[in-house]
Amino acid sequence: MRDELLEPVEATVSDNFKHRAMSHMERAFDDADDDGIPVDAVAHAALFAALTTLVECFGEESVARLVAELPEKISSGGYTLLRTLQ
């Protein structure tokens, strides 16, 4: 699902919020790691929290459509930060 279908605010404002939110998430992951919490446990908890919040904000059907597109995005490298392009 395209982000704009779930986007409650203007794109430029939203982009700023998304960058700031990602910074908060990165700090939370770092803090958890410093406390000895395995990163995969933090990722699982973050994913669960994200999905429940999205359902609360946009409803089950919209989130189900978003999640249905994840396998293709993941397989195509959409969530791979460090990759070599050939």
PDB file of N, CA and C in Angstrom:
ATOM      1  N   MET A   1       0.839  -1.168   0.000  1.00  0.00           N
ATOM      2  CA  MET A   1       0.000   0.000   0.000  1.00  0.00           C
ATOM      3  C   MET A   1       0.884   1.230   0.000  1.00  0.00           C
ATOM      4  N   ARG A   2       0.519   2.179  -0.772  1.00  0.00           N
ATOM      5  CA  ARG A   2       1.285   3.420  -0.801  1.00  0.00           C
ATOM      6  C   ARG A   2       1.072   4.169   0.501  1.00  0.00           C
ATOM      7  N   ASP A   3       2.144   4.849   0.992  1.00  0.00           N
ATOM      8  CA  ASP A   3       2.065   5.590   2.249  1.00  0.00           C
ATOM      9  C   ASP A   3       0.944   6.617   2.240  1.00  0.00           C
ATOM     10  N   GLU A   4       0.708   7.251   1.089  1.00  0.00           N
ATOM     11  CA  GLU A   4      -0.294   8.303   1.055  1.00  0.00           C
ATOM     12  C   GLU A   4      -1.699   7.798   1.368  1.00  0.00           C
ATOM     13  N   LEU A   5      -1.940   6.507   1.190  1.00  0.00           N
ATOM     14  CA  LEU A   5      -3.252   5.965   1.535  1.00  0.00           C
ATOM     15  C   LEU A   5      -3.454   5.892   3.044  1.00  0.00           C
ATOM     16  N   LEU A   6      -2.375   5.867   3.783  1.00  0.00           N
ATOM     17  CA  LEU A   6      -2.470   5.832   5.237  1.00  0.00           C
ATOM     18  C   LEU A   6      -2.058   7.162   5.859  1.00  0.00           C
ATOM     19  N   GLU A   7      -1.824   8.149   5.029  1.00  0.00           N
ATOM     20  CA  GLU A   7      -1.220   9.390   5.501  1.00  0.00           C
ATOM     21  C   GLU A   7      -2.264  10.384   6.000  1.00  0.00           C
ATOM     22  N   PRO A   8      -2.278  10.707   7.295  1.00  0.00           N
ATOM     23  CA  PRO A   8      -3.267  11.640   7.821  1.00  0.00           C
ATOM     24  C   PRO A   8      -2.865  13.105   7.729  1.00  0.00           C
ATOM     25  N   VAL A   9      -1.602  13.391   7.360  1.00  0.00           N
ATOM     26  CA  VAL A   9      -1.141  14.781   7.293  1.00  0.00           C
ATOM     27  C   VAL A   9      -0.446  15.024   5.963  1.00  0.00           C
ATOM     28  N   GLU A  10      -0.162  16.320   5.668  1.00  0.00           N
ATOM     29  CA  GLU A  10       0.504  16.681   4.422  1.00  0.00           C
ATOM     30  C   GLU A  10       1.842  15.956   4.294  1.00  0.00           C
ATOM     31  N   ALA A  11       2.238  15.670   3.058  1.00  0.00           N
ATOM     32  CA  ALA A  11       3.448  14.886   2.804  1.00  0.00           C
ATOM     33  C   ALA A  11       4.698  15.533   3.385  1.00  0.00           C
ATOM     34  N   THR A  12       4.890  16.827   3.220  1.00  0.00           N
ATOM     35  CA  THR A  12       6.116  17.450   3.716  1.00  0.00           C
ATOM     36  C   THR A  12       6.172  17.418   5.235  1.00  0.00           C
ATOM     37  N   VAL A  13       5.068  17.663   5.871  1.00  0.00           N
ATOM     38  CA  VAL A  13       5.004  17.580   7.328  1.00  0.00           C
ATOM     39  C   VAL A  13       5.207  16.136   7.756  1.00  0.00           C
ATOM     40  N   SER A  14       4.571  15.229   7.049  1.00  0.00           N
ATOM     41  CA  SER A  14       4.666  13.815   7.365  1.00  0.00           C
ATOM     42  C   SER A  14       6.094  13.304   7.226  1.00  0.00           C
ATOM     43  N   ASP A  15       6.800  13.715   6.178  1.00  0.00           N
ATOM     44  CA  ASP A  15       8.185  13.280   5.990  1.00  0.00           C
ATOM     45  C   ASP A  15       9.040  13.701   7.175  1.00  0.00           C
ATOM     46  N   ASN A  16       8.857  14.913   7.645  1.00  0.00           N
ATOM     47  CA  ASN A  16       9.603  15.395   8.812  1.00  0.00           C
ATOM     48  C   ASN A  16       9.257  14.561  10.040  1.00  0.00           C
ATOM     49  N   PHE A  17       7.983  14.295  10.241  1.00  0.00           N
ATOM     50  CA  PHE A  17       7.570  13.466  11.369  1.00  0.00           C
ATOM     51  C   PHE A  17       8.158  12.068  11.265  1.00  0.00           C
ATOM     52  N   LYS A  18       8.176  11.502  10.053  1.00  0.00           N
ATOM     53  CA  LYS A  18       8.706  10.157   9.867  1.00  0.00           C
ATOM     54  C   LYS A  18      10.201  10.108  10.172  1.00  0.00           C
ATOM     55  N   HIS A  19      10.948  11.115   9.733  1.00  0.00           N
ATOM     56  CA  HIS A  19      12.383  11.152  10.026  1.00  0.00           C
ATOM     57  C   HIS A  19      12.629  11.289  11.529  1.00  0.00           C
ATOM     58  N   ARG A  20      11.865  12.156  12.160  1.00  0.00           N
ATOM     59  CA  ARG A  20      12.013  12.339  13.604  1.00  0.00           C
ATOM     60  C   ARG A  20      11.612  11.077  14.351  1.00  0.00           C
ATOM     61  N   ALA A  21      10.531  10.441  13.914  1.00  0.00           N
ATOM     62  CA  ALA A  21      10.082   9.205  14.553  1.00  0.00           C
ATOM     63  C   ALA A  21      11.130   8.104  14.399  1.00  0.00           C
ATOM     64  N   MET A  22      11.741   8.012  13.229  1.00  0.00           N
ATOM     65  CA  MET A  22      12.774   6.993  13.013  1.00  0.00           C
ATOM     66  C   MET A  22      13.962   7.236  13.939  1.00  0.00           C
ATOM     67  N   SER A  23      14.314   8.487  14.167  1.00  0.00           N
ATOM     68  CA  SER A  23      15.398   8.797  15.104  1.00  0.00           C
ATOM     69  C   SER A  23      15.056   8.316  16.513  1.00  0.00           C
ATOM     70  N   HIS A  24      13.808   8.504  16.909  1.00  0.00           N
ATOM     71  CA  HIS A  24      13.368   8.017  18.226  1.00  0.00           C
ATOM     72  C   HIS A  24      13.458   6.503  18.300  1.00  0.00           C
ATOM     73  N   MET A  25      13.030   5.838  17.225  1.00  0.00           N
ATOM     74  CA  MET A  25      13.083   4.372  17.205  1.00  0.00           C
ATOM     75  C   MET A  25      14.522   3.880  17.271  1.00  0.00           C
ATOM     76  N   GLU A  26      15.420   4.516  16.538  1.00  0.00           N
ATOM     77  CA  GLU A  26      16.826   4.114  16.570  1.00  0.00           C
ATOM     78  C   GLU A  26      17.402   4.254  17.976  1.00  0.00           C
ATOM     79  N   ARG A  27      17.047   5.332  18.662  1.00  0.00           N
ATOM     80  CA  ARG A  27      17.516   5.520  20.041  1.00  0.00           C
ATOM     81  C   ARG A  27      16.928   4.456  20.961  1.00  0.00           C
ATOM     82  N   ALA A  28      15.655   4.113  20.761  1.00  0.00           N
ATOM     83  CA  ALA A  28      15.020   3.076  21.586  1.00  0.00           C
ATOM     84  C   ALA A  28      15.713   1.731  21.380  1.00  0.00           C
ATOM     85  N   PHE A  29      16.044   1.400  20.145  1.00  0.00           N
ATOM     86  CA  PHE A  29      16.754   0.157  19.869  1.00  0.00           C
ATOM     87  C   PHE A  29      18.132   0.177  20.525  1.00  0.00           C
ATOM     88  N   ASP A  30      18.827   1.310  20.422  1.00  0.00           N
ATOM     89  CA  ASP A  30      20.148   1.427  21.049  1.00  0.00           C
ATOM     90  C   ASP A  30      20.054   1.307  22.566  1.00  0.00           C
ATOM     91  N   ASP A  31      19.060   1.956  23.164  1.00  0.00           N
ATOM     92  CA  ASP A  31      18.869   1.877  24.620  1.00  0.00           C
ATOM     93  C   ASP A  31      18.583   0.446  25.061  1.00  0.00           C
ATOM     94  N   ALA A  32      17.721  -0.244  24.312  1.00  0.00           N
ATOM     95  CA  ALA A  32      17.393  -1.633  24.643  1.00  0.00           C
ATOM     96  C   ALA A  32      18.633  -2.508  24.529  1.00  0.00           C
ATOM     97  N   ASP A  33      19.428  -2.292  23.482  1.00  0.00           N
ATOM     98  CA  ASP A  33      20.662  -3.054  23.306  1.00  0.00           C
ATOM     99  C   ASP A  33      21.611  -2.797  24.468  1.00  0.00           C
ATOM    100  N   ASP A  34      21.712  -1.542  24.890  1.00  0.00           N
ATOM    101  CA  ASP A  34      22.558  -1.204  26.037  1.00  0.00           C
ATOM    102  C   ASP A  34      22.092  -1.901  27.311  1.00  0.00           C
ATOM    103  N   ASP A  35      20.794  -2.155  27.412  1.00  0.00           N
ATOM    104  CA  ASP A  35      20.220  -2.844  28.571  1.00  0.00           C
ATOM    105  C   ASP A  35      20.265  -4.362  28.427  1.00  0.00           C
ATOM    106  N   GLY A  36      20.853  -4.846  27.335  1.00  0.00           N
ATOM    107  CA  GLY A  36      20.988  -6.284  27.134  1.00  0.00           C
ATOM    108  C   GLY A  36      19.782  -6.970  26.539  1.00  0.00           C
ATOM    109  N   ILE A  37      18.854  -6.209  26.009  1.00  0.00           N
ATOM    110  CA  ILE A  37      17.670  -6.800  25.386  1.00  0.00           C
ATOM    111  C   ILE A  37      18.019  -7.129  23.936  1.00  0.00           C
ATOM    112  N   PRO A  38      17.817  -8.369  23.520  1.00  0.00           N
ATOM    113  CA  PRO A  38      18.153  -8.749  22.146  1.00  0.00           C
ATOM    114  C   PRO A  38      17.387  -7.909  21.120  1.00  0.00           C
ATOM    115  N   VAL A  39      18.081  -7.507  20.076  1.00  0.00           N
ATOM    116  CA  VAL A  39      17.498  -6.632  19.069  1.00  0.00           C
ATOM    117  C   VAL A  39      16.285  -7.272  18.396  1.00  0.00           C
ATOM    118  N   ASP A  40      16.284  -8.599  18.231  1.00  0.00           N
ATOM    119  CA  ASP A  40      15.136  -9.240  17.608  1.00  0.00           C
ATOM    120  C   ASP A  40      13.892  -9.149  18.494  1.00  0.00           C
ATOM    121  N   ALA A  41      14.074  -9.172  19.808  1.00  0.00           N
ATOM    122  CA  ALA A  41      12.939  -9.015  20.724  1.00  0.00           C
ATOM    123  C   ALA A  41      12.372  -7.599  20.636  1.00  0.00           C
ATOM    124  N   VAL A  42      13.260  -6.627  20.523  1.00  0.00           N
ATOM    125  CA  VAL A  42      12.828  -5.229  20.393  1.00  0.00           C
ATOM    126  C   VAL A  42      12.103  -5.038  19.065  1.00  0.00           C
ATOM    127  N   ALA A  43      12.648  -5.622  17.997  1.00  0.00           N
ATOM    128  CA  ALA A  43      12.020  -5.500  16.679  1.00  0.00           C
ATOM    129  C   ALA A  43      10.630  -6.120  16.683  1.00  0.00           C
ATOM    130  N   HIS A  44      10.489  -7.281  17.297  1.00  0.00           N
ATOM    131  CA  HIS A  44       9.179  -7.938  17.369  1.00  0.00           C
ATOM    132  C   HIS A  44       8.186  -7.078  18.144  1.00  0.00           C
ATOM    133  N   ALA A  45       8.618  -6.541  19.285  1.00  0.00           N
ATOM    134  CA  ALA A  45       7.745  -5.683  20.078  1.00  0.00           C
ATOM    135  C   ALA A  45       7.380  -4.412  19.310  1.00  0.00           C
ATOM    136  N   ALA A  46       8.341  -3.841  18.600  1.00  0.00           N
ATOM    137  CA  ALA A  46       8.083  -2.621  17.819  1.00  0.00           C
ATOM    138  C   ALA A  46       7.096  -2.901  16.689  1.00  0.00           C
ATOM    139  N   LEU A  47       7.255  -4.049  16.031  1.00  0.00           N
ATOM    140  CA  LEU A  47       6.343  -4.415  14.951  1.00  0.00           C
ATOM    141  C   LEU A  47       4.927  -4.620  15.483  1.00  0.00           C
ATOM    142  N   PHE A  48       4.802  -5.310  16.600  1.00  0.00           N
ATOM    143  CA  PHE A  48       3.485  -5.516  17.208  1.00  0.00           C
ATOM    144  C   PHE A  48       2.866  -4.169  17.594  1.00  0.00           C
ATOM    145  N   ALA A  49       3.649  -3.312  18.227  1.00  0.00           N
ATOM    146  CA  ALA A  49       3.137  -1.989  18.625  1.00  0.00           C
ATOM    147  C   ALA A  49       2.736  -1.173  17.401  1.00  0.00           C
ATOM    148  N   ALA A  50       3.548  -1.240  16.349  1.00  0.00           N
ATOM    149  CA  ALA A  50       3.239  -0.488  15.133  1.00  0.00           C
ATOM    150  C   ALA A  50       1.940  -0.977  14.499  1.00  0.00           C
ATOM    151  N   LEU A  51       1.796  -2.288  14.379  1.00  0.00           N
ATOM    152  CA  LEU A  51       0.591  -2.827  13.748  1.00  0.00           C
ATOM    153  C   LEU A  51      -0.663  -2.520  14.560  1.00  0.00           C
ATOM    154  N   THR A  52      -0.591  -2.668  15.873  1.00  0.00           N
ATOM    155  CA  THR A  52      -1.778  -2.381  16.679  1.00  0.00           C
ATOM    156  C   THR A  52      -2.142  -0.896  16.610  1.00  0.00           C
ATOM    157  N   THR A  53      -1.135  -0.034  16.566  1.00  0.00           N
ATOM    158  CA  THR A  53      -1.398   1.400  16.455  1.00  0.00           C
ATOM    159  C   THR A  53      -1.992   1.740  15.092  1.00  0.00           C
ATOM    160  N   LEU A  54      -1.449   1.151  14.029  1.00  0.00           N
ATOM    161  CA  LEU A  54      -1.997   1.396  12.690  1.00  0.00           C
ATOM    162  C   LEU A  54      -3.442   0.922  12.588  1.00  0.00           C
ATOM    163  N   VAL A  55      -3.741  -0.242  13.159  1.00  0.00           N
ATOM    164  CA  VAL A  55      -5.123  -0.725  13.154  1.00  0.00           C
ATOM    165  C   VAL A  55      -6.018   0.246  13.901  1.00  0.00           C
ATOM    166  N   GLU A  56      -5.549   0.732  15.018  1.00  0.00           N
ATOM    167  CA  GLU A  56      -6.321   1.699  15.802  1.00  0.00           C
ATOM    168  C   GLU A  56      -6.588   2.975  15.002  1.00  0.00           C
ATOM    169  N   CYS A  57      -5.588   3.426  14.250  1.00  0.00           N
ATOM    170  CA  CYS A  57      -5.701   4.680  13.491  1.00  0.00           C
ATOM    171  C   CYS A  57      -6.455   4.527  12.176  1.00  0.00           C
ATOM    172  N   PHE A  58      -6.247   3.406  11.469  1.00  0.00           N
ATOM    173  CA  PHE A  58      -6.747   3.291  10.100  1.00  0.00           C
ATOM    174  C   PHE A  58      -7.686   2.122   9.868  1.00  0.00           C
ATOM    175  N   GLY A  59      -7.803   1.207  10.832  1.00  0.00           N
ATOM    176  CA  GLY A  59      -8.702   0.076  10.692  1.00  0.00           C
ATOM    177  C   GLY A  59      -8.019  -1.157  10.138  1.00  0.00           C
ATOM    178  N   GLU A  60      -8.661  -2.295  10.413  1.00  0.00           N
ATOM    179  CA  GLU A  60      -8.088  -3.576  10.034  1.00  0.00           C
ATOM    180  C   GLU A  60      -7.886  -3.724   8.536  1.00  0.00           C
ATOM    181  N   GLU A  61      -8.865  -3.319   7.743  1.00  0.00           N
ATOM    182  CA  GLU A  61      -8.795  -3.527   6.292  1.00  0.00           C
ATOM    183  C   GLU A  61      -7.623  -2.773   5.658  1.00  0.00           C
ATOM    184  N   SER A  62      -7.428  -1.532   6.032  1.00  0.00           N
ATOM    185  CA  SER A  62      -6.313  -0.750   5.480  1.00  0.00           C
ATOM    186  C   SER A  62      -4.973  -1.357   5.867  1.00  0.00           C
ATOM    187  N   VAL A  63      -4.846  -1.772   7.106  1.00  0.00           N
ATOM    188  CA  VAL A  63      -3.582  -2.360   7.574  1.00  0.00           C
ATOM    189  C   VAL A  63      -3.369  -3.727   6.924  1.00  0.00           C
ATOM    190  N   ALA A  64      -4.430  -4.484   6.727  1.00  0.00           N
ATOM    191  CA  ALA A  64      -4.305  -5.781   6.060  1.00  0.00           C
ATOM    192  C   ALA A  64      -3.784  -5.591   4.631  1.00  0.00           C
ATOM    193  N   ARG A  65      -4.271  -4.571   3.933  1.00  0.00           N
ATOM    194  CA  ARG A  65      -3.767  -4.295   2.576  1.00  0.00           C
ATOM    195  C   ARG A  65      -2.300  -3.886   2.624  1.00  0.00           C
ATOM    196  N   LEU A  66      -1.930  -3.087   3.591  1.00  0.00           N
ATOM    197  CA  LEU A  66      -0.533  -2.673   3.749  1.00  0.00           C
ATOM    198  C   LEU A  66       0.364  -3.884   3.980  1.00  0.00           C
ATOM    199  N   VAL A  67      -0.032  -4.739   4.901  1.00  0.00           N
ATOM    200  CA  VAL A  67       0.765  -5.907   5.262  1.00  0.00           C
ATOM    201  C   VAL A  67       0.826  -6.913   4.109  1.00  0.00           C
ATOM    202  N   ALA A  68      -0.215  -6.995   3.305  1.00  0.00           N
ATOM    203  CA  ALA A  68      -0.225  -7.915   2.173  1.00  0.00           C
ATOM    204  C   ALA A  68       0.860  -7.578   1.152  1.00  0.00           C
ATOM    205  N   GLU A  69       1.277  -6.338   1.091  1.00  0.00           N
ATOM    206  CA  GLU A  69       2.320  -5.913   0.154  1.00  0.00           C
ATOM    207  C   GLU A  69       3.730  -6.109   0.705  1.00  0.00           C
ATOM    208  N   LEU A  70       3.859  -6.447   1.981  1.00  0.00           N
ATOM    209  CA  LEU A  70       5.187  -6.562   2.585  1.00  0.00           C
ATOM    210  C   LEU A  70       6.069  -7.648   1.983  1.00  0.00           C
ATOM    211  N   PRO A  71       5.563  -8.852   1.681  1.00  0.00           N
ATOM    212  CA  PRO A  71       6.467  -9.867   1.120  1.00  0.00           C
ATOM    213  C   PRO A  71       7.197  -9.393  -0.134  1.00  0.00           C
ATOM    214  N   GLU A  72       6.486  -8.749  -1.037  1.00  0.00           N
ATOM    215  CA  GLU A  72       7.116  -8.255  -2.268  1.00  0.00           C
ATOM    216  C   GLU A  72       8.136  -7.162  -1.957  1.00  0.00           C
ATOM    217  N   LYS A  73       7.780  -6.239  -1.053  1.00  0.00           N
ATOM    218  CA  LYS A  73       8.707  -5.168  -0.690  1.00  0.00           C
ATOM    219  C   LYS A  73       9.961  -5.730  -0.025  1.00  0.00           C
ATOM    220  N   ILE A  74       9.780  -6.701   0.845  1.00  0.00           N
ATOM    221  CA  ILE A  74      10.921  -7.306   1.538  1.00  0.00           C
ATOM    222  C   ILE A  74      11.811  -8.047   0.542  1.00  0.00           C
ATOM    223  N   SER A  75      11.199  -8.859  -0.311  1.00  0.00           N
ATOM    224  CA  SER A  75      11.955  -9.644  -1.294  1.00  0.00           C
ATOM    225  C   SER A  75      12.710  -8.766  -2.283  1.00  0.00           C
ATOM    226  N   SER A  76      12.146  -7.609  -2.597  1.00  0.00           N
ATOM    227  CA  SER A  76      12.797  -6.725  -3.561  1.00  0.00           C
ATOM    228  C   SER A  76      13.822  -5.799  -2.907  1.00  0.00           C
ATOM    229  N   GLY A  77      14.050  -5.966  -1.604  1.00  0.00           N
ATOM    230  CA  GLY A  77      15.075  -5.181  -0.920  1.00  0.00           C
ATOM    231  C   GLY A  77      14.584  -3.863  -0.346  1.00  0.00           C
ATOM    232  N   GLY A  78      13.298  -3.683  -0.299  1.00  0.00           N
ATOM    233  CA  GLY A  78      12.741  -2.431   0.195  1.00  0.00           C
ATOM    234  C   GLY A  78      13.066  -2.114   1.647  1.00  0.00           C
ATOM    235  N   TYR A  79      13.450  -3.125   2.409  1.00  0.00           N
ATOM    236  CA  TYR A  79      13.782  -2.912   3.820  1.00  0.00           C
ATOM    237  C   TYR A  79      15.215  -3.321   4.138  1.00  0.00           C
ATOM    238  N   THR A  80      16.011  -3.508   3.104  1.00  0.00           N
ATOM    239  CA  THR A  80      17.416  -3.862   3.288  1.00  0.00           C
ATOM    240  C   THR A  80      18.236  -2.586   3.223  1.00  0.00           C
ATOM    241  N   LEU A  81      18.861  -2.229   4.355  1.00  0.00           N
ATOM    242  CA  LEU A  81      19.603  -0.972   4.406  1.00  0.00           C
ATOM    243  C   LEU A  81      20.970  -1.082   3.750  1.00  0.00           C
ATOM    244  N   LEU A  82      21.664  -2.171   3.978  1.00  0.00           N
ATOM    245  CA  LEU A  82      22.991  -2.343   3.426  1.00  0.00           C
ATOM    246  C   LEU A  82      22.931  -3.429   2.354  1.00  0.00           C
ATOM    247  N   ARG A  83      22.975  -3.008   1.106  1.00  0.00           N
ATOM    248  CA  ARG A  83      22.957  -3.966   0.016  1.00  0.00           C
ATOM    249  C   ARG A  83      23.856  -3.479  -1.104  1.00  0.00           C
ATOM    250  N   THR A  84      24.331  -4.417  -1.881  1.00  0.00           N
ATOM    251  CA  THR A  84      25.171  -4.101  -3.028  1.00  0.00           C
ATOM    252  C   THR A  84      24.334  -4.143  -4.280  1.00  0.00           C
ATOM    253  N   LEU A  85      24.316  -3.041  -5.003  1.00  0.00           N
ATOM    254  CA  LEU A  85      23.594  -3.006  -6.267  1.00  0.00           C
ATOM    255  C   LEU A  85      24.524  -3.450  -7.372  1.00  0.00           C
ATOM    256  N   GLN A  86      24.064  -4.356  -8.213  1.00  0.00           N
ATOM    257  CA  GLN A  86      24.923  -4.872  -9.290  1.00  0.00           C
ATOM    258  C   GLN A  86      24.464  -4.374 -10.631  1.00  0.00           C
TER     259      GLN A  86
END
